[in-house]
Amino acid sequence: MSSPDTAICESPRVVAGNCAVAEVDLAFIARQLERLVNDMAGLKDDMTVVMARLDRIDTSTRAAVDRMEITTRGVLDELRAMHSRHDRVAKRVERLEDANRDAPS
C-alpha cells in the first residue's frame, strides 16, 4: 500500500534524514503537467455543462416573461373593452332615464 505522498507524486523517494523528498526529474514533471492538463479539461467540460444549463434556464425564463407580458397585455385589452362596454351601457341607461323623465306620465 502506498502512502498519501507517493500517491500524489508517484515518484521514487530520496530519504534525507527523517524527511522523504521526491526526486524531481523530467518524467515526474511530465506526469504532473499531464495531470494538470487533464484537470483543466475536466473543468472546461464542467463549465460547458453549467453554461448550457444557465442558457436553458435563461431562455425558459425569458419565454415565461414574454408569456406573462402577452397575458398581461391581453388582460389589459380585455379590461379596456369591458370598461368601454360599461360606458356604452351607462350612456344608454342615462338616455333611457332622460327619455323616461321627459315622457308625459
PDB file of N, CA and C in Angstrom:
ATOM      1  N   MET A   1       0.855  -1.186   0.000  1.00  0.00           N
ATOM      2  CA  MET A   1       0.000   0.000   0.000  1.00  0.00           C
ATOM      3  C   MET A   1       0.886   1.229   0.000  1.00  0.00           C
ATOM      4  N   SER A   2       0.543   2.229  -0.816  1.00  0.00           N
ATOM      5  CA  SER A   2       1.374   3.424  -0.913  1.00  0.00           C
ATOM      6  C   SER A   2       0.894   4.473   0.077  1.00  0.00           C
ATOM      7  N   SER A   3       1.818   5.319   0.490  1.00  0.00           N
ATOM      8  CA  SER A   3       1.454   6.404   1.396  1.00  0.00           C
ATOM      9  C   SER A   3       0.787   7.511   0.605  1.00  0.00           C
ATOM     10  N   PRO A   4       0.097   8.447   1.262  1.00  0.00           N
ATOM     11  CA  PRO A   4      -0.548   9.547   0.536  1.00  0.00           C
ATOM     12  C   PRO A   4       0.429  10.359  -0.298  1.00  0.00           C
ATOM     13  N   ASP A   5       1.667  10.508   0.186  1.00  0.00           N
ATOM     14  CA  ASP A   5       2.646  11.300  -0.554  1.00  0.00           C
ATOM     15  C   ASP A   5       3.011  10.634  -1.872  1.00  0.00           C
ATOM     16  N   THR A   6       3.203   9.316  -1.864  1.00  0.00           N
ATOM     17  CA  THR A   6       3.592   8.651  -3.098  1.00  0.00           C
ATOM     18  C   THR A   6       2.422   8.577  -4.061  1.00  0.00           C
ATOM     19  N   ALA A   7       1.180   8.571  -3.543  1.00  0.00           N
ATOM     20  CA  ALA A   7       0.022   8.569  -4.426  1.00  0.00           C
ATOM     21  C   ALA A   7      -0.076   9.886  -5.183  1.00  0.00           C
ATOM     22  N   ILE A   8       0.364  10.964  -4.559  1.00  0.00           N
ATOM     23  CA  ILE A   8       0.276  12.281  -5.186  1.00  0.00           C
ATOM     24  C   ILE A   8       1.347  12.445  -6.262  1.00  0.00           C
ATOM     25  N   CYS A   9       2.602  12.163  -5.908  1.00  0.00           N
ATOM     26  CA  CYS A   9       3.664  12.467  -6.860  1.00  0.00           C
ATOM     27  C   CYS A   9       4.112  11.260  -7.672  1.00  0.00           C
ATOM     28  N   GLU A  10       3.849  10.067  -7.220  1.00  0.00           N
ATOM     29  CA  GLU A  10       4.203   8.843  -7.936  1.00  0.00           C
ATOM     30  C   GLU A  10       5.656   8.865  -8.429  1.00  0.00           C
ATOM     31  N   SER A  11       6.539   9.269  -7.602  1.00  0.00           N
ATOM     32  CA  SER A  11       7.946   9.343  -7.984  1.00  0.00           C
ATOM     33  C   SER A  11       8.779   8.662  -6.902  1.00  0.00           C
ATOM     34  N   PRO A  12       9.915   8.089  -7.279  1.00  0.00           N
ATOM     35  CA  PRO A  12      10.783   7.489  -6.249  1.00  0.00           C
ATOM     36  C   PRO A  12      11.206   8.534  -5.229  1.00  0.00           C
ATOM     37  N   ARG A  13      11.473   8.063  -4.037  1.00  0.00           N
ATOM     38  CA  ARG A  13      11.827   8.975  -2.946  1.00  0.00           C
ATOM     39  C   ARG A  13      13.311   8.867  -2.595  1.00  0.00           C
ATOM     40  N   VAL A  14      13.829   9.985  -2.206  1.00  0.00           N
ATOM     41  CA  VAL A  14      15.166  10.014  -1.639  1.00  0.00           C
ATOM     42  C   VAL A  14      14.987  10.359  -0.180  1.00  0.00           C
ATOM     43  N   VAL A  15      15.532   9.528   0.688  1.00  0.00           N
ATOM     44  CA  VAL A  15      15.357   9.783   2.114  1.00  0.00           C
ATOM     45  C   VAL A  15      16.568  10.543   2.609  1.00  0.00           C
ATOM     46  N   ALA A  16      16.298  11.733   3.135  1.00  0.00           N
ATOM     47  CA  ALA A  16      17.358  12.568   3.684  1.00  0.00           C
ATOM     48  C   ALA A  16      17.032  12.807   5.140  1.00  0.00           C
ATOM     49  N   GLY A  17      17.709  12.138   6.031  1.00  0.00           N
ATOM     50  CA  GLY A  17      17.418  12.283   7.448  1.00  0.00           C
ATOM     51  C   GLY A  17      16.069  11.670   7.757  1.00  0.00           C
ATOM     52  N   ASN A  18      15.201  12.418   8.433  1.00  0.00           N
ATOM     53  CA  ASN A  18      13.861  11.945   8.761  1.00  0.00           C
ATOM     54  C   ASN A  18      12.842  12.326   7.685  1.00  0.00           C
ATOM     55  N   CYS A  19      13.246  13.013   6.644  1.00  0.00           N
ATOM     56  CA  CYS A  19      12.334  13.578   5.670  1.00  0.00           C
ATOM     57  C   CYS A  19      12.499  12.900   4.316  1.00  0.00           C
ATOM     58  N   ALA A  20      11.380  12.484   3.721  1.00  0.00           N
ATOM     59  CA  ALA A  20      11.422  11.887   2.384  1.00  0.00           C
ATOM     60  C   ALA A  20      11.171  12.996   1.364  1.00  0.00           C
ATOM     61  N   VAL A  21      12.055  13.124   0.389  1.00  0.00           N
ATOM     62  CA  VAL A  21      11.956  14.160  -0.626  1.00  0.00           C
ATOM     63  C   VAL A  21      11.813  13.471  -1.985  1.00  0.00           C
ATOM     64  N   ALA A  22      10.853  13.924  -2.784  1.00  0.00           N
ATOM     65  CA  ALA A  22      10.648  13.312  -4.088  1.00  0.00           C
ATOM     66  C   ALA A  22      11.759  13.701  -5.029  1.00  0.00           C
ATOM     67  N   GLU A  23      12.186  12.720  -5.839  1.00  0.00           N
ATOM     68  CA  GLU A  23      13.152  13.035  -6.889  1.00  0.00           C
ATOM     69  C   GLU A  23      12.394  13.727  -8.005  1.00  0.00           C
ATOM     70  N   VAL A  24      12.861  14.872  -8.390  1.00  0.00           N
ATOM     71  CA  VAL A  24      12.213  15.619  -9.450  1.00  0.00           C
ATOM     72  C   VAL A  24      13.031  15.440 -10.716  1.00  0.00           C
ATOM     73  N   ASP A  25      12.400  14.777 -11.683  1.00  0.00           N
ATOM     74  CA  ASP A  25      13.034  14.607 -12.975  1.00  0.00           C
ATOM     75  C   ASP A  25      12.016  14.976 -14.048  1.00  0.00           C
ATOM     76  N   LEU A  26      12.406  14.886 -15.306  1.00  0.00           N
ATOM     77  CA  LEU A  26      11.506  15.268 -16.383  1.00  0.00           C
ATOM     78  C   LEU A  26      10.263  14.392 -16.432  1.00  0.00           C
ATOM     79  N   ALA A  27      10.401  13.125 -16.109  1.00  0.00           N
ATOM     80  CA  ALA A  27       9.241  12.224 -16.118  1.00  0.00           C
ATOM     81  C   ALA A  27       8.234  12.649 -15.051  1.00  0.00           C
ATOM     82  N   PHE A  28       8.734  13.019 -13.874  1.00  0.00           N
ATOM     83  CA  PHE A  28       7.859  13.488 -12.795  1.00  0.00           C
ATOM     84  C   PHE A  28       7.115  14.760 -13.223  1.00  0.00           C
ATOM     85  N   ILE A  29       7.830  15.702 -13.810  1.00  0.00           N
ATOM     86  CA  ILE A  29       7.222  16.959 -14.256  1.00  0.00           C
ATOM     87  C   ILE A  29       6.201  16.681 -15.365  1.00  0.00           C
ATOM     88  N   ALA A  30       6.539  15.757 -16.262  1.00  0.00           N
ATOM     89  CA  ALA A  30       5.616  15.416 -17.348  1.00  0.00           C
ATOM     90  C   ALA A  30       4.319  14.830 -16.794  1.00  0.00           C
ATOM     91  N   ARG A  31       4.416  13.939 -15.794  1.00  0.00           N
ATOM     92  CA  ARG A  31       3.204  13.360 -15.188  1.00  0.00           C
ATOM     93  C   ARG A  31       2.357  14.432 -14.510  1.00  0.00           C
ATOM     94  N   GLN A  32       3.020  15.319 -13.794  1.00  0.00           N
ATOM     95  CA  GLN A  32       2.291  16.388 -13.115  1.00  0.00           C
ATOM     96  C   GLN A  32       1.622  17.321 -14.117  1.00  0.00           C
ATOM     97  N   LEU A  33       2.328  17.655 -15.179  1.00  0.00           N
ATOM     98  CA  LEU A  33       1.777  18.519 -16.216  1.00  0.00           C
ATOM     99  C   LEU A  33       0.592  17.844 -16.912  1.00  0.00           C
ATOM    100  N   GLU A  34       0.723  16.550 -17.178  1.00  0.00           N
ATOM    101  CA  GLU A  34      -0.380  15.814 -17.791  1.00  0.00           C
ATOM    102  C   GLU A  34      -1.600  15.807 -16.871  1.00  0.00           C
ATOM    103  N   ARG A  35      -1.354  15.614 -15.574  1.00  0.00           N
ATOM    104  CA  ARG A  35      -2.451  15.645 -14.604  1.00  0.00           C
ATOM    105  C   ARG A  35      -3.136  17.003 -14.594  1.00  0.00           C
ATOM    106  N   LEU A  36      -2.360  18.087 -14.643  1.00  0.00           N
ATOM    107  CA  LEU A  36      -2.927  19.434 -14.665  1.00  0.00           C
ATOM    108  C   LEU A  36      -3.745  19.674 -15.934  1.00  0.00           C
ATOM    109  N   VAL A  37      -3.218  19.218 -17.069  1.00  0.00           N
ATOM    110  CA  VAL A  37      -3.941  19.383 -18.329  1.00  0.00           C
ATOM    111  C   VAL A  37      -5.258  18.621 -18.281  1.00  0.00           C
ATOM    112  N   ASN A  38      -5.236  17.401 -17.760  1.00  0.00           N
ATOM    113  CA  ASN A  38      -6.473  16.615 -17.634  1.00  0.00           C
ATOM    114  C   ASN A  38      -7.463  17.272 -16.679  1.00  0.00           C
ATOM    115  N   ASP A  39      -6.950  17.814 -15.577  1.00  0.00           N
ATOM    116  CA  ASP A  39      -7.833  18.526 -14.632  1.00  0.00           C
ATOM    117  C   ASP A  39      -8.464  19.744 -15.291  1.00  0.00           C
ATOM    118  N   MET A  40      -7.682  20.491 -16.063  1.00  0.00           N
ATOM    119  CA  MET A  40      -8.214  21.666 -16.759  1.00  0.00           C
ATOM    120  C   MET A  40      -9.256  21.263 -17.795  1.00  0.00           C
ATOM    121  N   ALA A  41      -9.024  20.151 -18.498  1.00  0.00           N
ATOM    122  CA  ALA A  41     -10.002  19.676 -19.476  1.00  0.00           C
ATOM    123  C   ALA A  41     -11.304  19.294 -18.765  1.00  0.00           C
ATOM    124  N   GLY A  42     -11.183  18.678 -17.598  1.00  0.00           N
ATOM    125  CA  GLY A  42     -12.373  18.340 -16.811  1.00  0.00           C
ATOM    126  C   GLY A  42     -13.122  19.585 -16.371  1.00  0.00           C
ATOM    127  N   LEU A  43     -12.393  20.596 -15.926  1.00  0.00           N
ATOM    128  CA  LEU A  43     -13.028  21.857 -15.522  1.00  0.00           C
ATOM    129  C   LEU A  43     -13.716  22.523 -16.709  1.00  0.00           C
ATOM    130  N   LYS A  44     -13.080  22.462 -17.878  1.00  0.00           N
ATOM    131  CA  LYS A  44     -13.681  23.041 -19.079  1.00  0.00           C
ATOM    132  C   LYS A  44     -14.993  22.335 -19.402  1.00  0.00           C
ATOM    133  N   ASP A  45     -14.991  20.996 -19.326  1.00  0.00           N
ATOM    134  CA  ASP A  45     -16.220  20.238 -19.572  1.00  0.00           C
ATOM    135  C   ASP A  45     -17.298  20.600 -18.560  1.00  0.00           C
ATOM    136  N   ASP A  46     -16.906  20.725 -17.289  1.00  0.00           N
ATOM    137  CA  ASP A  46     -17.872  21.108 -16.248  1.00  0.00           C
ATOM    138  C   ASP A  46     -18.469  22.477 -16.531  1.00  0.00           C
ATOM    139  N   MET A  47     -17.621  23.431 -16.927  1.00  0.00           N
ATOM    140  CA  MET A  47     -18.106  24.780 -17.223  1.00  0.00           C
ATOM    141  C   MET A  47     -19.034  24.778 -18.442  1.00  0.00           C
ATOM    142  N   THR A  48     -18.752  23.934 -19.420  1.00  0.00           N
ATOM    143  CA  THR A  48     -19.620  23.839 -20.598  1.00  0.00           C
ATOM    144  C   THR A  48     -21.008  23.357 -20.188  1.00  0.00           C
ATOM    145  N   VAL A  49     -21.048  22.370 -19.295  1.00  0.00           N
ATOM    146  CA  VAL A  49     -22.337  21.858 -18.814  1.00  0.00           C
ATOM    147  C   VAL A  49     -23.079  22.941 -18.041  1.00  0.00           C
ATOM    148  N   VAL A  50     -22.382  23.635 -17.151  1.00  0.00           N
ATOM    149  CA  VAL A  50     -23.019  24.685 -16.350  1.00  0.00           C
ATOM    150  C   VAL A  50     -23.539  25.806 -17.247  1.00  0.00           C
ATOM    151  N   MET A  51     -22.759  26.215 -18.228  1.00  0.00           N
ATOM    152  CA  MET A  51     -23.194  27.281 -19.123  1.00  0.00           C
ATOM    153  C   MET A  51     -24.406  26.851 -19.954  1.00  0.00           C
ATOM    154  N   ALA A  52     -24.438  25.585 -20.373  1.00  0.00           N
ATOM    155  CA  ALA A  52     -25.601  25.090 -21.125  1.00  0.00           C
ATOM    156  C   ALA A  52     -26.848  25.114 -20.249  1.00  0.00           C
ATOM    157  N   ARG A  53     -26.692  24.738 -18.986  1.00  0.00           N
ATOM    158  CA  ARG A  53     -27.837  24.785 -18.055  1.00  0.00           C
ATOM    159  C   ARG A  53     -28.308  26.216 -17.859  1.00  0.00           C
ATOM    160  N   LEU A  54     -27.374  27.134 -17.643  1.00  0.00           N
ATOM    161  CA  LEU A  54     -27.743  28.537 -17.448  1.00  0.00           C
ATOM    162  C   LEU A  54     -28.424  29.108 -18.685  1.00  0.00           C
ATOM    163  N   ASP A  55     -27.932  28.742 -19.853  1.00  0.00           N
ATOM    164  CA  ASP A  55     -28.543  29.217 -21.091  1.00  0.00           C
ATOM    165  C   ASP A  55     -29.972  28.695 -21.215  1.00  0.00           C
ATOM    166  N   ARG A  56     -30.181  27.421 -20.862  1.00  0.00           N
ATOM    167  CA  ARG A  56     -31.527  26.847 -20.924  1.00  0.00           C
ATOM    168  C   ARG A  56     -32.453  27.549 -19.945  1.00  0.00           C
ATOM    169  N   ILE A  57     -31.972  27.793 -18.726  1.00  0.00           N
ATOM    170  CA  ILE A  57     -32.791  28.475 -17.716  1.00  0.00           C
ATOM    171  C   ILE A  57     -33.103  29.896 -18.162  1.00  0.00           C
ATOM    172  N   ASP A  58     -32.089  30.587 -18.709  1.00  0.00           N
ATOM    173  CA  ASP A  58     -32.293  31.958 -19.179  1.00  0.00           C
ATOM    174  C   ASP A  58     -33.324  31.997 -20.297  1.00  0.00           C
ATOM    175  N   THR A  59     -33.227  31.054 -21.221  1.00  0.00           N
ATOM    176  CA  THR A  59     -34.162  31.016 -22.345  1.00  0.00           C
ATOM    177  C   THR A  59     -35.579  30.734 -21.859  1.00  0.00           C
ATOM    178  N   SER A  60     -35.719  29.772 -20.947  1.00  0.00           N
ATOM    179  CA  SER A  60     -37.066  29.445 -20.461  1.00  0.00           C
ATOM    180  C   SER A  60     -37.631  30.588 -19.625  1.00  0.00           C
ATOM    181  N   THR A  61     -36.769  31.282 -18.859  1.00  0.00           N
ATOM    182  CA  THR A  61     -37.230  32.420 -18.064  1.00  0.00           C
ATOM    183  C   THR A  61     -37.671  33.556 -18.982  1.00  0.00           C
ATOM    184  N   ARG A  62     -36.880  33.812 -20.029  1.00  0.00           N
ATOM    185  CA  ARG A  62     -37.236  34.861 -20.977  1.00  0.00           C
ATOM    186  C   ARG A  62     -38.567  34.533 -21.655  1.00  0.00           C
ATOM    187  N   ALA A  63     -38.768  33.269 -22.009  1.00  0.00           N
ATOM    188  CA  ALA A  63     -40.027  32.860 -22.642  1.00  0.00           C
ATOM    189  C   ALA A  63     -41.188  33.028 -21.669  1.00  0.00           C
ATOM    190  N   ALA A  64     -40.963  32.706 -20.390  1.00  0.00           N
ATOM    191  CA  ALA A  64     -42.023  32.859 -19.388  1.00  0.00           C
ATOM    192  C   ALA A  64     -42.384  34.335 -19.214  1.00  0.00           C
ATOM    193  N   VAL A  65     -41.378  35.200 -19.192  1.00  0.00           N
ATOM    194  CA  VAL A  65     -41.632  36.644 -19.069  1.00  0.00           C
ATOM    195  C   VAL A  65     -42.402  37.137 -20.283  1.00  0.00           C
ATOM    196  N   ASP A  66     -42.013  36.666 -21.473  1.00  0.00           N
ATOM    197  CA  ASP A  66     -42.736  37.054 -22.683  1.00  0.00           C
ATOM    198  C   ASP A  66     -44.188  36.600 -22.622  1.00  0.00           C
ATOM    199  N   ARG A  67     -44.405  35.360 -22.127  1.00  0.00           N
ATOM    200  CA  ARG A  67     -45.784  34.866 -21.998  1.00  0.00           C
ATOM    201  C   ARG A  67     -46.570  35.712 -21.006  1.00  0.00           C
ATOM    202  N   MET A  68     -45.912  36.111 -19.902  1.00  0.00           N
ATOM    203  CA  MET A  68     -46.594  36.959 -18.920  1.00  0.00           C
ATOM    204  C   MET A  68     -46.930  38.310 -19.529  1.00  0.00           C
ATOM    205  N   GLU A  69     -46.012  38.854 -20.326  1.00  0.00           N
ATOM    206  CA  GLU A  69     -46.272  40.126 -20.989  1.00  0.00           C
ATOM    207  C   GLU A  69     -47.469  40.013 -21.910  1.00  0.00           C
ATOM    208  N   ILE A  70     -47.505  38.937 -22.692  1.00  0.00           N
ATOM    209  CA  ILE A  70     -48.623  38.722 -23.613  1.00  0.00           C
ATOM    210  C   ILE A  70     -49.916  38.562 -22.822  1.00  0.00           C
ATOM    211  N   THR A  71     -49.868  37.792 -21.741  1.00  0.00           N
ATOM    212  CA  THR A  71     -51.053  37.586 -20.913  1.00  0.00           C
ATOM    213  C   THR A  71     -51.492  38.901 -20.281  1.00  0.00           C
ATOM    214  N   THR A  72     -50.540  39.677 -19.757  1.00  0.00           N
ATOM    215  CA  THR A  72     -50.862  40.960 -19.138  1.00  0.00           C
ATOM    216  C   THR A  72     -51.458  41.902 -20.174  1.00  0.00           C
ATOM    217  N   ARG A  73     -50.868  41.919 -21.360  1.00  0.00           N
ATOM    218  CA  ARG A  73     -51.392  42.768 -22.421  1.00  0.00           C
ATOM    219  C   ARG A  73     -52.819  42.344 -22.771  1.00  0.00           C
ATOM    220  N   GLY A  74     -53.067  41.031 -22.817  1.00  0.00           N
ATOM    221  CA  GLY A  74     -54.404  40.521 -23.112  1.00  0.00           C
ATOM    222  C   GLY A  74     -55.409  40.911 -22.040  1.00  0.00           C
ATOM    223  N   VAL A  75     -54.993  40.805 -20.783  1.00  0.00           N
ATOM    224  CA  VAL A  75     -55.878  41.193 -19.681  1.00  0.00           C
ATOM    225  C   VAL A  75     -56.168  42.688 -19.747  1.00  0.00           C
ATOM    226  N   LEU A  76     -55.160  43.484 -20.048  1.00  0.00           N
ATOM    227  CA  LEU A  76     -55.350  44.928 -20.161  1.00  0.00           C
ATOM    228  C   LEU A  76     -56.315  45.268 -21.305  1.00  0.00           C
ATOM    229  N   ASP A  77     -56.150  44.607 -22.444  1.00  0.00           N
ATOM    230  CA  ASP A  77     -57.073  44.832 -23.571  1.00  0.00           C
ATOM    231  C   ASP A  77     -58.499  44.447 -23.187  1.00  0.00           C
ATOM    232  N   GLU A  78     -58.633  43.314 -22.486  1.00  0.00           N
ATOM    233  CA  GLU A  78     -59.965  42.868 -22.059  1.00  0.00           C
ATOM    234  C   GLU A  78     -60.581  43.864 -21.074  1.00  0.00           C
ATOM    235  N   LEU A  79     -59.774  44.385 -20.155  1.00  0.00           N
ATOM    236  CA  LEU A  79     -60.263  45.359 -19.182  1.00  0.00           C
ATOM    237  C   LEU A  79     -60.716  46.644 -19.882  1.00  0.00           C
ATOM    238  N   ARG A  80     -59.943  47.074 -20.870  1.00  0.00           N
ATOM    239  CA  ARG A  80     -60.335  48.282 -21.620  1.00  0.00           C
ATOM    240  C   ARG A  80     -61.650  48.048 -22.370  1.00  0.00           C
ATOM    241  N   ALA A  81     -61.801  46.873 -22.969  1.00  0.00           N
ATOM    242  CA  ALA A  81     -63.035  46.556 -23.692  1.00  0.00           C
ATOM    243  C   ALA A  81     -64.228  46.517 -22.729  1.00  0.00           C
ATOM    244  N   MET A  82     -64.015  45.928 -21.548  1.00  0.00           N
ATOM    245  CA  MET A  82     -65.103  45.877 -20.558  1.00  0.00           C
ATOM    246  C   MET A  82     -65.479  47.277 -20.095  1.00  0.00           C
ATOM    247  N   HIS A  83     -64.478  48.126 -19.903  1.00  0.00           N
ATOM    248  CA  HIS A  83     -64.729  49.499 -19.478  1.00  0.00           C
ATOM    249  C   HIS A  83     -65.508  50.256 -20.560  1.00  0.00           C
ATOM    250  N   SER A  84     -65.121  50.062 -21.811  1.00  0.00           N
ATOM    251  CA  SER A  84     -65.810  50.702 -22.925  1.00  0.00           C
ATOM    252  C   SER A  84     -67.266  50.234 -22.998  1.00  0.00           C
ATOM    253  N   ARG A  85     -67.463  48.917 -22.839  1.00  0.00           N
ATOM    254  CA  ARG A  85     -68.825  48.376 -22.864  1.00  0.00           C
ATOM    255  C   ARG A  85     -69.646  48.941 -21.706  1.00  0.00           C
ATOM    256  N   HIS A  86     -69.017  49.041 -20.543  1.00  0.00           N
ATOM    257  CA  HIS A  86     -69.706  49.596 -19.375  1.00  0.00           C
ATOM    258  C   HIS A  86     -70.111  51.046 -19.645  1.00  0.00           C
ATOM    259  N   ASP A  87     -69.210  51.838 -20.245  1.00  0.00           N
ATOM    260  CA  ASP A  87     -69.537  53.227 -20.585  1.00  0.00           C
ATOM    261  C   ASP A  87     -70.711  53.304 -21.555  1.00  0.00           C
ATOM    262  N   ARG A  88     -70.723  52.439 -22.577  1.00  0.00           N
ATOM    263  CA  ARG A  88     -71.832  52.438 -23.539  1.00  0.00           C
ATOM    264  C   ARG A  88     -73.148  52.095 -22.845  1.00  0.00           C
ATOM    265  N   VAL A  89     -73.134  51.094 -21.979  1.00  0.00           N
ATOM    266  CA  VAL A  89     -74.355  50.697 -21.261  1.00  0.00           C
ATOM    267  C   VAL A  89     -74.803  51.835 -20.340  1.00  0.00           C
ATOM    268  N   ALA A  90     -73.839  52.488 -19.663  1.00  0.00           N
ATOM    269  CA  ALA A  90     -74.188  53.582 -18.756  1.00  0.00           C
ATOM    270  C   ALA A  90     -74.815  54.744 -19.536  1.00  0.00           C
ATOM    271  N   LYS A  91     -74.270  55.072 -20.718  1.00  0.00           N
ATOM    272  CA  LYS A  91     -74.848  56.151 -21.541  1.00  0.00           C
ATOM    273  C   LYS A  91     -76.236  55.769 -22.039  1.00  0.00           C
ATOM    274  N   ARG A  92     -76.410  54.502 -22.399  1.00  0.00           N
ATOM    275  CA  ARG A  92     -77.712  54.033 -22.872  1.00  0.00           C
ATOM    276  C   ARG A  92     -78.759  54.124 -21.760  1.00  0.00           C
ATOM    277  N   VAL A  93     -78.368  53.695 -20.564  1.00  0.00           N
ATOM    278  CA  VAL A  93     -79.291  53.781 -19.417  1.00  0.00           C
ATOM    279  C   VAL A  93     -79.614  55.247 -19.128  1.00  0.00           C
ATOM    280  N   GLU A  94     -78.613  56.102 -19.210  1.00  0.00           N
ATOM    281  CA  GLU A  94     -78.827  57.528 -18.966  1.00  0.00           C
ATOM    282  C   GLU A  94     -79.811  58.113 -19.989  1.00  0.00           C
ATOM    283  N   ARG A  95     -79.680  57.763 -21.267  1.00  0.00           N
ATOM    284  CA  ARG A  95     -80.609  58.231 -22.293  1.00  0.00           C
ATOM    285  C   ARG A  95     -82.025  57.724 -22.025  1.00  0.00           C
ATOM    286  N   LEU A  96     -82.118  56.445 -21.627  1.00  0.00           N
ATOM    287  CA  LEU A  96     -83.441  55.878 -21.322  1.00  0.00           C
ATOM    288  C   LEU A  96     -84.076  56.586 -20.110  1.00  0.00           C
ATOM    289  N   GLU A  97     -83.278  56.871 -19.104  1.00  0.00           N
ATOM    290  CA  GLU A  97     -83.798  57.582 -17.927  1.00  0.00           C
ATOM    291  C   GLU A  97     -84.236  58.985 -18.305  1.00  0.00           C
ATOM    292  N   ASP A  98     -83.408  59.676 -19.144  1.00  0.00           N
ATOM    293  CA  ASP A  98     -83.784  61.013 -19.595  1.00  0.00           C
ATOM    294  C   ASP A  98     -85.081  60.973 -20.413  1.00  0.00           C
ATOM    295  N   ALA A  99     -85.191  59.976 -21.283  1.00  0.00           N
ATOM    296  CA  ALA A  99     -86.411  59.845 -22.102  1.00  0.00           C
ATOM    297  C   ALA A  99     -87.614  59.538 -21.217  1.00  0.00           C
ATOM    298  N   ASN A 100     -87.415  58.756 -20.191  1.00  0.00           N
ATOM    299  CA  ASN A 100     -88.495  58.401 -19.279  1.00  0.00           C
ATOM    300  C   ASN A 100     -88.925  59.616 -18.472  1.00  0.00           C
ATOM    301  N   ARG A 101     -88.022  60.504 -18.081  1.00  0.00           N
ATOM    302  CA  ARG A 101     -88.349  61.713 -17.339  1.00  0.00           C
ATOM    303  C   ARG A 101     -89.111  62.712 -18.212  1.00  0.00           C
ATOM    304  N   ASP A 102     -88.693  62.803 -19.497  1.00  0.00           N
ATOM    305  CA  ASP A 102     -89.303  63.745 -20.416  1.00  0.00           C
ATOM    306  C   ASP A 102     -90.682  63.277 -20.923  1.00  0.00           C
ATOM    307  N   ALA A 103     -90.935  62.014 -20.809  1.00  0.00           N
ATOM    308  CA  ALA A 103     -92.224  61.474 -21.328  1.00  0.00           C
ATOM    309  C   ALA A 103     -93.360  61.898 -20.401  1.00  0.00           C
ATOM    310  N   PRO A 104     -94.509  62.221 -21.012  1.00  0.00           N
ATOM    311  CA  PRO A 104     -95.651  62.602 -20.171  1.00  0.00           C
ATOM    312  C   PRO A 104     -96.169  61.377 -19.418  1.00  0.00           C
ATOM    313  N   SER A 105     -96.518  61.573 -18.205  1.00  0.00           N
ATOM    314  CA  SER A 105     -96.990  60.483 -17.386  1.00  0.00           C
ATOM    315  C   SER A 105     -98.464  60.301 -17.498  1.00  0.00           C
TER     316      SER A 105
END
